[in-house]
Amino acid sequence: MQTINNTNPAATAYAMDDWRSGYRSQPQEFAYWIDEVEGTIPPALSGTIFRNGPGLLDIGGYPVRHPFDGDGLISSIAFSQGRAFYRSRFVRTAGYVSEQAAGKPLYRGVFGTQKPGGPLANAFDLRLKNIANTNIIYWGGKLLALWEAAEPHRLDPHTLETLGLDYLDGLLQAGDPFAAHPKIDPSCDRAQGQPCLVNFAVKTGLSSKIILYEFDPAGRLVHQCSHTIPGFAFMHDFAITPDYAIFVQNPVSFNPLPFILGLKGAGECIGFNPKQPTQIFAIPRDGQSPVRRFETDASFVFHHANAYEADGELVLDSIRYDRFPSLDDSADYSEVDFDHVPAGQLWRFRANLDNSQVSTEVLIERCCEFPHIHPQRVGQPYRYLYIGAAHSAQGNAPLQALLKQDLHTGQEQLWSAAPRGFSGEPLFVPRPGSSAEDDGWVLLMLYNAERRCSDLAIFDARDITPGPVTRLLLKHHIPYGLHGSYTPDYFGPAAS
């Protein structure tokens, strides 16, 4: 694993077999002190990171069509006094429990996984399996595993035991969605200046209803409002400012017929419409002011880095694809041709509040995904961003690197795990007592194809180019994950 810079791209930074090996199922669950450590765990790093992602890439030997259909596996690493404890458990969703007992798929996956038996066995079965595999957050004394199409599952933060579906004190009804990308506003008027958790739900069809929720630090609902926008909506993420919740309505349509007939998963029935504009909706968080709508050129957005208000504009930084990054009809995810799948880039959208015009610029041209910033800068002007990136400066490829972007100067720092390491979403953890925006640590889960195991790398966020200051070597691999979060609360056992 090496440090590289932007001017020295490698033509081939990885082997496909190495990348594929990170997508093996991990059916085992673990709990142990991490004793194999390169370097020293920073003594001031105290708290717990939680990670979520698909842990099973097959069910009883039947492969899933896409990793997004895999059952949620939660990992936690708890830090205290220079030591770290690892724990993992599957979320015991109703679908996971029943399929493990049956030894085969009993549900269809949104992204194409089908029950055995072909179209006849799948036609007209429109049930959704809540797989709880996308994100996890600790808020208001609850640890919640999130999947955007259904209710959260509550877990015990100490043991990761599944406690059951959580309806947020009666706020949700059975089957109600609750998005997997909540934001924490560091200072919220409706929580008397304290942080609040902001999240949303989308109920879509010919028109789409967006429901906004805000929760105080105790987990109590302090505000709720809803707005309807025209058309079908695919909204995985959103961004916030003190005044607005910002949504990108991708120019897509949904043809349900192949799904109903058992030929495709629901996610495979989404079509991208390049002749339609991408729309940006700024929904006032007060629930009373008018919704603002903006149009820009067709593109597709999964994730946002941040948003803020400045000089009569809404500024939105997002990972932009020039089209919906779907697999071909005949493709298996493990055989993906990266040269024929669009690469994500970090773009800035500036929406003028006076004339509703949108201007754009590219902030990071390199293929990148999974941005993260200092938690106190959410919804505010910010300088530093950390993001997973490709090793090479051009083209699409698996994420193998960590990139730090200075948005004031344009300076980039890049560290790469190539050729045999693969990365994902970084988490920035502020150093206690420091006010500097980049003073802290970046925690990055890596898959090490040479060991066929996973590592947790800890970087000094001020300068990532020397590489990790600490590397925690796990005894096993964790399949490539999706999202996670950090809490300063320690949820490990007492240090022995």
Protein backbone atom coordinates (compact mmCIF):
# COMPACT_ATOMS: atom_id res chain seq x y z
CA MET A 1 0.00 0.00 0.00
CA GLN A 2 1.39 3.36 -0.99
CA THR A 3 1.06 7.10 -1.04
CA ILE A 4 0.50 8.61 -4.48
CA ASN A 5 -0.31 12.01 -5.91
CA ASN A 6 -2.65 13.30 -8.58
CA THR A 7 0.00 13.53 -11.30
CA ASN A 8 1.06 9.89 -11.35
CA PRO A 9 -1.96 7.74 -12.24
CA ALA A 10 -1.47 3.99 -12.73
CA ALA A 11 -2.98 2.31 -15.77
CA THR A 12 -3.99 -0.77 -13.75
CA ALA A 13 -4.22 -0.30 -10.00
CA TYR A 14 -6.00 -3.51 -9.06
CA ALA A 15 -6.84 -7.07 -10.07
CA MET A 16 -10.51 -7.98 -10.51
CA ASP A 17 -10.06 -11.21 -8.53
CA ASP A 18 -8.72 -9.20 -5.59
CA TRP A 19 -11.69 -6.83 -5.75
CA ARG A 20 -14.19 -9.69 -6.02
CA SER A 21 -12.72 -11.48 -3.02
CA GLY A 22 -13.97 -8.65 -0.80
CA TYR A 23 -17.53 -9.61 -1.73
CA ARG A 24 -17.46 -13.01 -0.04
CA SER A 25 -20.25 -13.63 2.46
CA GLN A 26 -19.29 -13.36 6.11
CA PRO A 27 -21.78 -15.59 7.96
CA GLN A 28 -19.84 -15.56 11.25
CA GLU A 29 -20.28 -13.10 14.08
CA PHE A 30 -17.38 -11.98 16.27
CA ALA A 31 -16.48 -10.32 19.56
CA TYR A 32 -12.84 -9.79 20.57
CA TRP A 33 -10.18 -7.30 21.62
CA ILE A 34 -8.13 -6.25 18.60
CA ASP A 35 -4.61 -7.22 19.61
CA GLU A 36 -2.84 -7.05 16.25
CA VAL A 37 -2.17 -3.33 15.89
CA GLU A 38 0.40 -1.54 13.76
CA GLY A 39 1.28 1.73 15.44
CA THR A 40 -0.49 3.09 18.50
CA ILE A 41 -4.19 3.85 18.94
CA PRO A 42 -4.45 7.56 19.83
CA PRO A 43 -5.24 7.71 23.57
CA ALA A 44 -7.61 10.65 23.01
CA LEU A 45 -9.73 8.60 20.59
CA SER A 46 -12.56 7.39 22.80
CA GLY A 47 -15.97 6.27 21.57
CA THR A 48 -17.53 3.80 19.17
CA ILE A 49 -17.84 3.56 15.43
CA PHE A 50 -20.71 1.58 13.96
CA ARG A 51 -20.70 0.30 10.38
CA ASN A 52 -23.49 -1.26 8.32
CA GLY A 53 -23.49 -3.13 5.03
CA PRO A 54 -24.47 -6.36 3.31
CA GLY A 55 -22.94 -9.29 5.19
CA LEU A 56 -24.39 -12.11 3.09
CA LEU A 57 -23.84 -12.24 -0.65
CA ASP A 58 -25.71 -15.54 -0.85
CA ILE A 59 -28.57 -17.22 0.98
CA GLY A 60 -28.03 -20.93 1.42
CA GLY A 61 -25.74 -20.95 -1.62
CA TYR A 62 -28.13 -18.91 -3.78
CA PRO A 63 -26.20 -15.75 -4.78
CA VAL A 64 -27.76 -12.32 -4.50
CA ARG A 65 -28.05 -10.44 -7.77
CA HIS A 66 -26.63 -7.23 -6.30
CA PRO A 67 -24.84 -6.51 -2.98
CA PHE A 68 -27.52 -3.96 -2.07
CA ASP A 69 -29.86 -6.95 -1.57
CA GLY A 70 -27.60 -8.50 1.11
CA ASP A 71 -28.70 -8.82 4.75
CA GLY A 72 -27.39 -6.13 7.08
CA LEU A 73 -24.29 -6.95 9.13
CA ILE A 74 -23.39 -4.46 11.86
CA SER A 75 -19.80 -3.97 13.00
CA SER A 76 -18.75 -1.89 15.97
CA ILE A 77 -15.28 -0.90 17.13
CA ALA A 78 -15.16 0.65 20.59
CA PHE A 79 -12.09 2.70 21.61
CA SER A 80 -10.95 3.42 25.15
CA GLN A 81 -7.56 4.04 26.76
CA GLY A 82 -5.62 3.08 23.65
CA ARG A 83 -7.42 -0.22 23.11
CA ALA A 84 -10.14 -1.33 20.68
CA PHE A 85 -12.86 -3.99 20.86
CA TYR A 86 -14.53 -5.41 17.74
CA ARG A 87 -18.04 -6.87 17.61
CA SER A 88 -20.33 -7.89 14.73
CA ARG A 89 -23.88 -9.23 14.48
CA PHE A 90 -26.49 -9.59 11.80
CA VAL A 91 -29.67 -7.61 12.21
CA ARG A 92 -32.31 -10.24 13.01
CA THR A 93 -34.92 -8.93 10.60
CA ALA A 94 -37.98 -11.10 10.00
CA GLY A 95 -36.64 -11.89 6.53
CA TYR A 96 -33.18 -12.84 7.76
CA VAL A 97 -34.55 -15.18 10.43
CA SER A 98 -36.99 -16.93 8.09
CA GLU A 99 -34.52 -17.31 5.22
CA GLN A 100 -31.78 -18.66 7.46
CA ALA A 101 -34.23 -21.25 8.76
CA ALA A 102 -35.33 -22.16 5.21
CA GLY A 103 -31.81 -22.14 3.75
CA LYS A 104 -32.94 -20.31 0.60
CA PRO A 105 -34.35 -16.95 -0.54
CA LEU A 106 -37.98 -16.42 0.41
CA TYR A 107 -38.17 -12.78 -0.71
CA ARG A 108 -37.30 -10.87 -3.83
CA GLY A 109 -34.60 -8.24 -3.61
CA VAL A 110 -35.15 -4.66 -4.74
CA PHE A 111 -32.03 -4.84 -6.91
CA GLY A 112 -32.84 -8.07 -8.71
CA THR A 113 -32.39 -11.02 -6.37
CA GLN A 114 -35.18 -13.50 -7.12
CA LYS A 115 -36.60 -16.50 -5.32
CA PRO A 116 -35.67 -19.88 -6.84
CA GLY A 117 -38.12 -21.08 -9.45
CA GLY A 118 -37.94 -18.43 -12.16
CA PRO A 119 -40.59 -15.85 -13.11
CA LEU A 120 -43.53 -18.05 -12.14
CA ALA A 121 -42.27 -18.26 -8.57
CA ASN A 122 -41.72 -14.49 -8.41
CA ALA A 123 -44.61 -13.01 -10.37
CA PHE A 124 -47.05 -10.92 -8.32
CA ASP A 125 -45.01 -11.33 -5.13
CA LEU A 126 -44.58 -7.65 -4.29
CA ARG A 127 -43.50 -8.05 -0.67
CA LEU A 128 -40.50 -6.05 0.50
CA LYS A 129 -37.84 -7.62 2.70
CA ASN A 130 -36.57 -5.08 5.21
CA ILE A 131 -32.85 -5.87 5.11
CA ALA A 132 -31.63 -3.10 7.47
CA ASN A 133 -28.32 -2.91 5.60
CA THR A 134 -27.65 0.74 4.69
CA ASN A 135 -26.73 2.88 7.71
CA ILE A 136 -26.68 2.93 11.49
CA ILE A 137 -26.87 5.79 13.98
CA TYR A 138 -26.96 6.24 17.75
CA TRP A 139 -29.34 9.04 18.76
CA GLY A 140 -31.56 9.74 21.74
CA GLY A 141 -30.36 6.61 23.51
CA LYS A 142 -31.28 4.35 20.60
CA LEU A 143 -29.07 2.51 18.13
CA LEU A 144 -31.00 2.26 14.86
CA ALA A 145 -30.15 0.19 11.78
CA LEU A 146 -31.62 1.93 8.74
CA TRP A 147 -32.98 0.86 5.36
CA GLU A 148 -34.79 3.63 3.54
CA ALA A 149 -37.82 1.68 2.35
CA ALA A 150 -39.09 0.59 5.80
CA GLU A 151 -38.91 1.11 9.55
CA PRO A 152 -35.65 1.11 11.52
CA HIS A 153 -34.53 -1.83 13.62
CA ARG A 154 -33.40 -1.00 17.14
CA LEU A 155 -30.27 -2.71 18.46
CA ASP A 156 -28.57 -2.95 21.83
CA PRO A 157 -25.48 -0.72 21.43
CA HIS A 158 -23.42 -2.89 23.81
CA THR A 159 -24.18 -6.31 22.29
CA LEU A 160 -25.70 -5.44 18.87
CA GLU A 161 -28.60 -7.72 19.72
CA THR A 162 -31.70 -6.93 17.66
CA LEU A 163 -34.46 -5.56 19.88
CA GLY A 164 -37.05 -5.33 17.10
CA LEU A 165 -38.62 -2.82 14.78
CA ASP A 166 -38.73 0.71 16.16
CA TYR A 167 -41.69 2.93 15.30
CA LEU A 168 -40.13 6.03 16.90
CA ASP A 169 -42.66 6.28 19.73
CA GLY A 170 -45.63 5.85 17.41
CA LEU A 171 -44.45 8.28 14.75
CA LEU A 172 -44.25 5.51 12.12
CA GLN A 173 -46.83 2.93 11.16
CA ALA A 174 -46.08 -0.60 9.97
CA GLY A 175 -44.23 -0.46 6.67
CA ASP A 176 -43.57 3.28 6.77
CA PRO A 177 -40.25 4.35 5.24
CA PHE A 178 -37.56 6.18 7.19
CA ALA A 179 -34.53 7.28 5.17
CA ALA A 180 -31.03 5.90 5.67
CA HIS A 181 -29.19 9.25 5.50
CA PRO A 182 -30.15 11.31 8.56
CA LYS A 183 -28.26 14.56 9.15
CA ILE A 184 -27.27 16.06 12.48
CA ASP A 185 -27.79 19.82 12.55
CA PRO A 186 -25.14 21.04 15.04
CA SER A 187 -27.37 23.92 16.24
CA CYS A 188 -31.12 23.76 15.71
CA ASP A 189 -33.61 26.51 16.61
CA ARG A 190 -36.34 23.97 17.35
CA ALA A 191 -34.04 22.22 19.83
CA GLN A 192 -33.13 25.48 21.63
CA GLY A 193 -29.76 25.66 19.93
CA GLN A 194 -28.84 22.06 20.66
CA PRO A 195 -28.04 19.53 17.92
CA CYS A 196 -31.02 17.86 16.27
CA LEU A 197 -31.37 14.84 14.04
CA VAL A 198 -33.07 15.64 10.73
CA ASN A 199 -34.40 12.87 8.52
CA PHE A 200 -37.01 12.31 5.86
CA ALA A 201 -39.28 9.76 4.22
CA VAL A 202 -40.50 9.61 0.62
CA LYS A 203 -43.75 8.06 -0.51
CA THR A 204 -43.66 8.08 -4.29
CA GLY A 205 -45.83 7.32 -7.30
CA LEU A 206 -47.36 9.71 -9.83
CA SER A 207 -46.43 12.38 -7.30
CA SER A 208 -44.10 12.19 -4.31
CA LYS A 209 -44.73 13.16 -0.71
CA ILE A 210 -41.65 14.15 1.28
CA ILE A 211 -41.98 14.11 5.06
CA LEU A 212 -39.39 15.90 7.21
CA TYR A 213 -38.69 14.97 10.82
CA GLU A 214 -36.53 16.71 13.44
CA PHE A 215 -35.58 15.12 16.77
CA ASP A 216 -33.91 16.71 19.79
CA PRO A 217 -30.95 15.07 21.59
CA ALA A 218 -33.35 13.01 23.72
CA GLY A 219 -34.93 11.57 20.57
CA ARG A 220 -38.18 13.51 20.94
CA LEU A 221 -39.88 14.76 17.78
CA VAL A 222 -39.72 18.57 17.81
CA HIS A 223 -40.90 19.31 14.29
CA GLN A 224 -42.58 17.58 11.36
CA CYS A 225 -43.79 18.86 8.01
CA SER A 226 -44.59 17.42 4.60
CA HIS A 227 -44.65 18.61 0.99
CA THR A 228 -45.72 17.02 -2.28
CA ILE A 229 -43.73 17.39 -5.48
CA PRO A 230 -44.79 16.20 -8.95
CA GLY A 231 -43.53 12.96 -10.44
CA PHE A 232 -41.76 9.77 -9.37
CA ALA A 233 -38.83 10.37 -7.01
CA PHE A 234 -35.67 8.36 -6.38
CA MET A 235 -34.09 10.19 -3.42
CA HIS A 236 -31.50 8.27 -1.43
CA ASP A 237 -29.95 11.23 0.38
CA PHE A 238 -30.56 14.90 1.12
CA ALA A 239 -28.71 17.90 2.52
CA ILE A 240 -29.61 20.57 5.04
CA THR A 241 -28.92 24.21 5.80
CA PRO A 242 -30.36 26.07 8.80
CA ASP A 243 -33.37 27.07 6.67
CA TYR A 244 -33.77 24.33 4.04
CA ALA A 245 -33.82 20.61 3.43
CA ILE A 246 -32.48 20.11 -0.10
CA PHE A 247 -33.48 17.23 -2.36
CA VAL A 248 -32.36 16.31 -5.86
CA GLN A 249 -35.08 14.75 -7.98
CA ASN A 250 -33.20 12.63 -10.49
CA PRO A 251 -34.70 12.45 -14.01
CA VAL A 252 -35.87 8.86 -13.78
CA SER A 253 -39.07 6.94 -14.40
CA PHE A 254 -40.38 3.66 -13.08
CA ASN A 255 -42.00 0.92 -15.17
CA PRO A 256 -43.45 -1.59 -12.69
CA LEU A 257 -44.52 -4.25 -15.21
CA PRO A 258 -41.28 -6.33 -15.26
CA PHE A 259 -41.32 -6.29 -11.47
CA ILE A 260 -44.94 -7.38 -11.24
CA LEU A 261 -44.33 -10.19 -13.74
CA GLY A 262 -41.37 -11.53 -11.79
CA LEU A 263 -38.78 -10.64 -14.42
CA LYS A 264 -36.82 -7.93 -12.58
CA GLY A 265 -36.34 -6.35 -9.20
CA ALA A 266 -38.01 -3.02 -8.56
CA GLY A 267 -34.69 -1.18 -8.71
CA GLU A 268 -34.00 -2.65 -12.14
CA CYS A 269 -37.21 -1.06 -13.47
CA ILE A 270 -35.87 2.48 -13.05
CA GLY A 271 -35.09 4.23 -16.33
CA PHE A 272 -32.92 7.32 -16.76
CA ASN A 273 -34.32 10.11 -18.93
CA PRO A 274 -31.39 12.19 -20.27
CA LYS A 275 -33.70 14.66 -22.02
CA GLN A 276 -35.36 15.64 -18.74
CA PRO A 277 -33.76 18.12 -16.32
CA THR A 278 -32.54 17.28 -12.88
CA GLN A 279 -34.61 19.22 -10.36
CA ILE A 280 -33.47 20.60 -7.03
CA PHE A 281 -36.13 21.20 -4.39
CA ALA A 282 -35.33 23.38 -1.38
CA ILE A 283 -37.99 22.67 1.22
CA PRO A 284 -38.14 25.18 4.09
CA ARG A 285 -37.59 23.46 7.39
CA ASP A 286 -40.11 25.76 9.09
CA GLY A 287 -42.86 24.01 7.12
CA GLN A 288 -44.49 27.35 6.21
CA SER A 289 -42.39 29.19 3.63
CA PRO A 290 -42.79 28.28 -0.05
CA VAL A 291 -40.79 25.45 -1.58
CA ARG A 292 -38.10 26.58 -4.01
CA ARG A 293 -37.56 24.63 -7.27
CA PHE A 294 -34.53 24.77 -9.55
CA GLU A 295 -33.56 22.99 -12.77
CA THR A 296 -30.17 21.90 -14.09
CA ASP A 297 -28.83 19.53 -16.74
CA ALA A 298 -29.71 15.85 -16.49
CA SER A 299 -27.55 13.85 -14.09
CA PHE A 300 -27.93 11.36 -11.25
CA VAL A 301 -27.06 11.88 -7.59
CA PHE A 302 -26.92 9.33 -4.78
CA HIS A 303 -25.01 11.23 -2.09
CA HIS A 304 -24.39 14.79 -0.97
CA ALA A 305 -21.32 16.12 0.80
CA ASN A 306 -22.85 19.27 2.30
CA ALA A 307 -24.93 22.36 1.62
CA TYR A 308 -24.96 25.92 2.90
CA GLU A 309 -26.41 29.39 2.24
CA ALA A 310 -24.17 32.21 1.05
CA ASP A 311 -24.63 35.51 -0.81
CA GLY A 312 -28.20 34.83 -1.94
CA GLU A 313 -27.41 31.31 -3.12
CA LEU A 314 -27.92 27.77 -1.97
CA VAL A 315 -24.65 25.88 -2.42
CA LEU A 316 -24.96 22.11 -2.77
CA ASP A 317 -21.97 19.77 -3.12
CA SER A 318 -22.94 16.35 -4.46
CA ILE A 319 -21.53 13.23 -6.08
CA ARG A 320 -22.78 13.50 -9.67
CA TYR A 321 -23.06 10.77 -12.31
CA ASP A 322 -23.84 11.62 -15.92
CA ARG A 323 -26.47 8.86 -15.90
CA PHE A 324 -28.00 6.26 -13.57
CA PRO A 325 -25.13 3.86 -12.71
CA SER A 326 -27.00 0.61 -13.28
CA LEU A 327 -25.72 -2.78 -14.41
CA ASP A 328 -26.59 -4.10 -17.84
CA ASP A 329 -29.50 -6.53 -17.98
CA SER A 330 -27.17 -9.52 -18.32
CA ALA A 331 -24.46 -8.36 -15.95
CA ASP A 332 -23.62 -9.86 -12.58
CA TYR A 333 -22.22 -7.31 -10.15
CA SER A 334 -19.01 -9.34 -9.76
CA GLU A 335 -18.42 -9.11 -13.52
CA VAL A 336 -19.01 -5.37 -13.80
CA ASP A 337 -17.02 -3.59 -16.50
CA PHE A 338 -15.97 -0.38 -14.79
CA ASP A 339 -15.14 1.22 -18.14
CA HIS A 340 -18.83 1.10 -19.07
CA VAL A 341 -20.30 2.34 -15.79
CA PRO A 342 -20.31 6.11 -15.11
CA ALA A 343 -17.90 7.41 -12.51
CA GLY A 344 -18.99 9.68 -9.69
CA GLN A 345 -17.40 13.13 -9.37
CA LEU A 346 -17.86 15.85 -6.78
CA TRP A 347 -19.81 18.77 -8.30
CA ARG A 348 -20.94 22.06 -6.82
CA PHE A 349 -24.42 23.35 -7.64
CA ARG A 350 -25.13 27.03 -6.95
CA ALA A 351 -28.84 27.83 -6.94
CA ASN A 352 -29.61 31.54 -7.07
CA LEU A 353 -32.51 32.38 -4.77
CA ASP A 354 -33.38 35.55 -6.73
CA ASN A 355 -33.57 34.28 -10.31
CA SER A 356 -33.68 30.46 -9.76
CA GLN A 357 -30.70 29.94 -12.08
CA VAL A 358 -28.24 27.10 -11.33
CA SER A 359 -24.54 27.19 -12.09
CA THR A 360 -22.21 24.20 -11.72
CA GLU A 361 -18.53 23.42 -11.36
CA VAL A 362 -16.50 20.25 -10.85
CA LEU A 363 -14.68 20.17 -7.51
CA ILE A 364 -13.12 16.70 -7.81
CA GLU A 365 -12.67 15.14 -11.25
CA ARG A 366 -11.27 11.85 -9.94
CA CYS A 367 -13.79 9.03 -9.48
CA CYS A 368 -14.99 9.37 -5.87
CA GLU A 369 -17.83 8.52 -3.49
CA PHE A 370 -18.86 8.54 0.18
CA PRO A 371 -17.97 12.10 1.32
CA HIS A 372 -17.58 13.06 4.97
CA ILE A 373 -16.92 16.35 6.77
CA HIS A 374 -16.45 17.76 10.26
CA PRO A 375 -19.81 17.29 12.06
CA GLN A 376 -19.85 20.94 13.21
CA ARG A 377 -19.76 22.12 9.58
CA VAL A 378 -22.93 20.31 8.47
CA GLY A 379 -25.18 22.88 6.80
CA GLN A 380 -22.48 25.55 7.10
CA PRO A 381 -19.69 26.86 4.86
CA TYR A 382 -16.80 24.43 5.15
CA ARG A 383 -13.24 23.97 3.97
CA TYR A 384 -12.20 20.32 4.26
CA LEU A 385 -13.76 17.19 2.85
CA TYR A 386 -12.68 13.54 3.10
CA ILE A 387 -13.85 11.05 0.51
CA GLY A 388 -13.19 7.59 -0.91
CA ALA A 389 -11.50 7.76 -4.31
CA ALA A 390 -10.06 5.71 -7.14
CA HIS A 391 -6.31 5.19 -7.31
CA SER A 392 -6.04 6.57 -10.83
CA ALA A 393 -6.82 10.17 -11.66
CA GLN A 394 -9.06 9.31 -14.61
CA GLY A 395 -11.68 6.67 -15.39
CA ASN A 396 -13.98 4.56 -13.24
CA ALA A 397 -12.60 1.98 -10.83
CA PRO A 398 -13.18 0.54 -7.36
CA LEU A 399 -12.44 2.88 -4.47
CA GLN A 400 -8.89 2.25 -3.25
CA ALA A 401 -7.82 5.62 -1.90
CA LEU A 402 -8.58 8.32 0.64
CA LEU A 403 -8.69 11.90 -0.63
CA LYS A 404 -8.67 15.11 1.40
CA GLN A 405 -9.86 18.19 -0.48
CA ASP A 406 -9.20 21.77 0.61
CA LEU A 407 -12.17 23.58 -0.92
CA HIS A 408 -10.61 27.00 -0.32
CA THR A 409 -7.31 26.40 -2.12
CA GLY A 410 -8.17 23.40 -4.29
CA GLN A 411 -5.23 21.48 -2.82
CA GLU A 412 -5.65 17.70 -2.65
CA GLN A 413 -3.99 15.09 -0.47
CA LEU A 414 -4.28 11.49 -1.59
CA TRP A 415 -3.26 8.21 -0.02
CA SER A 416 -3.85 4.95 -1.87
CA ALA A 417 -4.14 1.34 -0.71
CA ALA A 418 -3.46 0.07 -4.25
CA PRO A 419 -2.78 -2.38 -5.66
CA ARG A 420 -4.34 -4.88 -3.21
CA GLY A 421 -6.31 -2.67 -0.86
CA PHE A 422 -9.88 -1.41 -1.32
CA SER A 423 -11.59 1.37 0.60
CA GLY A 424 -15.04 2.79 1.24
CA GLU A 425 -16.60 5.55 3.32
CA PRO A 426 -14.26 7.53 5.61
CA LEU A 427 -15.42 8.91 8.95
CA PHE A 428 -13.94 12.10 10.37
CA VAL A 429 -13.70 12.20 14.18
CA PRO A 430 -12.79 15.57 15.73
CA ARG A 431 -10.00 15.73 18.27
CA PRO A 432 -11.57 16.53 21.68
CA GLY A 433 -11.09 20.16 22.65
CA SER A 434 -9.85 21.33 19.24
CA SER A 435 -11.64 23.93 17.11
CA ALA A 436 -9.58 23.43 13.95
CA GLU A 437 -11.72 22.02 11.15
CA ASP A 438 -9.24 19.30 10.13
CA ASP A 439 -7.84 18.46 13.57
CA GLY A 440 -8.86 14.90 14.32
CA TRP A 441 -8.71 11.46 12.81
CA VAL A 442 -10.09 9.81 9.71
CA LEU A 443 -11.24 6.23 10.25
CA LEU A 444 -11.31 4.10 7.11
CA MET A 445 -12.25 0.44 6.80
CA LEU A 446 -10.04 -1.29 4.23
CA TYR A 447 -10.23 -4.69 2.62
CA ASN A 448 -6.73 -6.16 2.32
CA ALA A 449 -6.78 -8.72 -0.51
CA GLU A 450 -3.31 -9.96 0.41
CA ARG A 451 -4.50 -10.99 3.87
CA ARG A 452 -8.06 -11.60 2.64
CA CYS A 453 -9.05 -9.77 5.83
CA SER A 454 -10.15 -6.25 6.72
CA ASP A 455 -8.18 -3.51 8.47
CA LEU A 456 -9.28 -0.33 10.18
CA ALA A 457 -6.88 2.46 9.25
CA ILE A 458 -6.59 5.58 11.42
CA PHE A 459 -5.19 8.73 9.76
CA ASP A 460 -4.13 12.06 11.18
CA ALA A 461 -6.72 14.20 9.41
CA ARG A 462 -4.35 17.18 9.14
CA ASP A 463 -2.07 15.28 6.73
CA ILE A 464 -3.16 11.93 5.31
CA THR A 465 -0.31 11.57 2.81
CA PRO A 466 2.06 9.64 5.15
CA GLY A 467 -0.62 6.98 5.46
CA PRO A 468 -2.27 5.54 8.56
CA VAL A 469 -0.78 6.38 11.93
CA THR A 470 -2.45 3.20 13.19
CA ARG A 471 -3.75 0.09 11.51
CA LEU A 472 -5.99 -2.39 13.33
CA LEU A 473 -5.78 -5.82 11.71
CA LEU A 474 -9.00 -7.80 12.03
CA LYS A 475 -9.01 -11.59 12.14
CA HIS A 476 -11.46 -11.89 9.23
CA HIS A 477 -12.94 -9.91 6.36
CA ILE A 478 -16.01 -7.69 6.40
CA PRO A 479 -17.74 -7.51 2.99
CA TYR A 480 -17.62 -4.03 1.50
CA GLY A 481 -19.95 -1.87 3.57
CA LEU A 482 -22.16 1.12 2.93
CA HIS A 483 -22.42 3.70 5.72
CA GLY A 484 -21.69 4.23 9.37
CA SER A 485 -21.37 6.75 12.17
CA TYR A 486 -19.35 7.61 15.25
CA THR A 487 -20.46 8.39 18.78
CA PRO A 488 -18.24 9.54 21.67
CA ASP A 489 -20.07 7.01 23.86
CA TYR A 490 -18.01 3.90 24.62
CA PHE A 491 -19.93 0.66 24.03
CA GLY A 492 -17.23 -1.93 24.64
CA PRO A 493 -16.46 -4.11 27.63
CA ALA A 494 -14.39 -2.88 30.52
CA ALA A 495 -10.70 -2.95 29.63
CA SER A 496 -8.96 -5.90 31.24
